[in-house]
Amino acid sequence: MSTAPMNNDNHEHDEMLSIEEAAALLRVPVATMRYWRYCGDGPHSFRLGRHVRYWRTDLMLWRAEQANRSRHD
């Protein structure tokens, strides 16, 4: 039996961003990020205590999906 802790976090080496940093990365207003979160649209976000956070990788993947979607519409 292994005593090493199981690490299921696929964001181990990823950067965690605040909503302001995520908005700057996507070049949209913070209000847009909040609206997307309220509507359930937009990139995946999560709460860390009282703070909303985003993984940089999730933002990049979401942005790529949006670009691919717009090409097919």
Protein backbone atom coordinates (compact mmCIF):
# COMPACT_ATOMS: atom_id res chain seq x y z
CA MET A 1 0.00 0.00 0.00
CA SER A 2 1.39 3.38 -1.03
CA THR A 3 1.66 6.18 1.51
CA ALA A 4 2.13 8.84 -1.20
CA PRO A 5 -0.85 11.21 -1.39
CA MET A 6 -3.07 10.87 -4.43
CA ASN A 7 -2.96 14.02 -6.53
CA ASN A 8 -5.92 14.29 -8.90
CA ASP A 9 -5.37 18.01 -9.51
CA ASN A 10 -4.62 18.40 -13.20
CA HIS A 11 -3.80 22.07 -12.55
CA GLU A 12 -0.78 21.31 -10.40
CA HIS A 13 1.51 23.52 -12.48
CA ASP A 14 -1.18 25.91 -13.70
CA GLU A 15 -1.59 29.55 -12.72
CA MET A 16 -4.65 30.62 -10.74
CA LEU A 17 -6.04 34.00 -11.83
CA SER A 18 -8.40 36.48 -10.22
CA ILE A 19 -11.45 37.69 -12.14
CA GLU A 20 -9.59 40.92 -12.95
CA GLU A 21 -6.59 39.02 -14.31
CA ALA A 22 -8.85 36.69 -16.30
CA ALA A 23 -10.73 39.64 -17.80
CA ALA A 24 -7.44 41.29 -18.79
CA LEU A 25 -6.23 38.06 -20.39
CA LEU A 26 -9.44 37.71 -22.43
CA ARG A 27 -9.56 41.46 -23.04
CA VAL A 28 -13.11 41.88 -21.80
CA PRO A 29 -14.52 44.00 -18.97
CA VAL A 30 -14.75 42.46 -15.50
CA ALA A 31 -18.51 43.07 -15.71
CA THR A 32 -18.64 40.75 -18.73
CA MET A 33 -16.86 38.02 -16.76
CA ARG A 34 -19.36 38.45 -13.95
CA TYR A 35 -22.30 38.31 -16.39
CA TRP A 36 -20.97 35.15 -18.06
CA ARG A 37 -20.55 33.57 -14.63
CA TYR A 38 -24.09 34.57 -13.61
CA CYS A 39 -25.55 33.12 -16.83
CA GLY A 40 -23.46 29.96 -16.63
CA ASP A 41 -21.63 30.88 -19.84
CA GLY A 42 -18.00 31.74 -20.22
CA PRO A 43 -14.92 29.93 -18.98
CA HIS A 44 -14.99 27.61 -15.98
CA SER A 45 -14.57 29.43 -12.68
CA PHE A 46 -14.59 28.41 -9.05
CA ARG A 47 -14.68 29.94 -5.62
CA LEU A 48 -11.73 29.89 -3.30
CA GLY A 49 -13.21 31.14 -0.06
CA ARG A 50 -14.92 34.40 -1.00
CA HIS A 51 -12.90 34.87 -4.18
CA VAL A 52 -13.66 33.81 -7.75
CA ARG A 53 -10.71 32.20 -9.51
CA TYR A 54 -9.89 30.86 -12.96
CA TRP A 55 -7.19 28.49 -14.14
CA ARG A 56 -5.15 29.99 -16.98
CA THR A 57 -5.38 26.71 -18.94
CA ASP A 58 -9.20 26.75 -18.71
CA LEU A 59 -9.25 30.30 -20.07
CA MET A 60 -7.02 29.35 -23.01
CA LEU A 61 -9.12 26.29 -23.84
CA TRP A 62 -12.36 28.27 -23.63
CA ARG A 63 -10.96 30.99 -25.88
CA ALA A 64 -9.89 28.37 -28.46
CA GLU A 65 -13.36 26.77 -28.32
CA GLN A 66 -14.96 30.17 -28.98
CA ALA A 67 -12.70 30.76 -31.97
CA ASN A 68 -13.54 27.30 -33.39
CA ARG A 69 -17.27 27.82 -32.78
CA SER A 70 -17.28 31.14 -34.63
CA ARG A 71 -15.59 29.54 -37.65
CA HIS A 72 -18.35 26.92 -37.90
CA ASP A 73 -21.32 29.29 -37.46
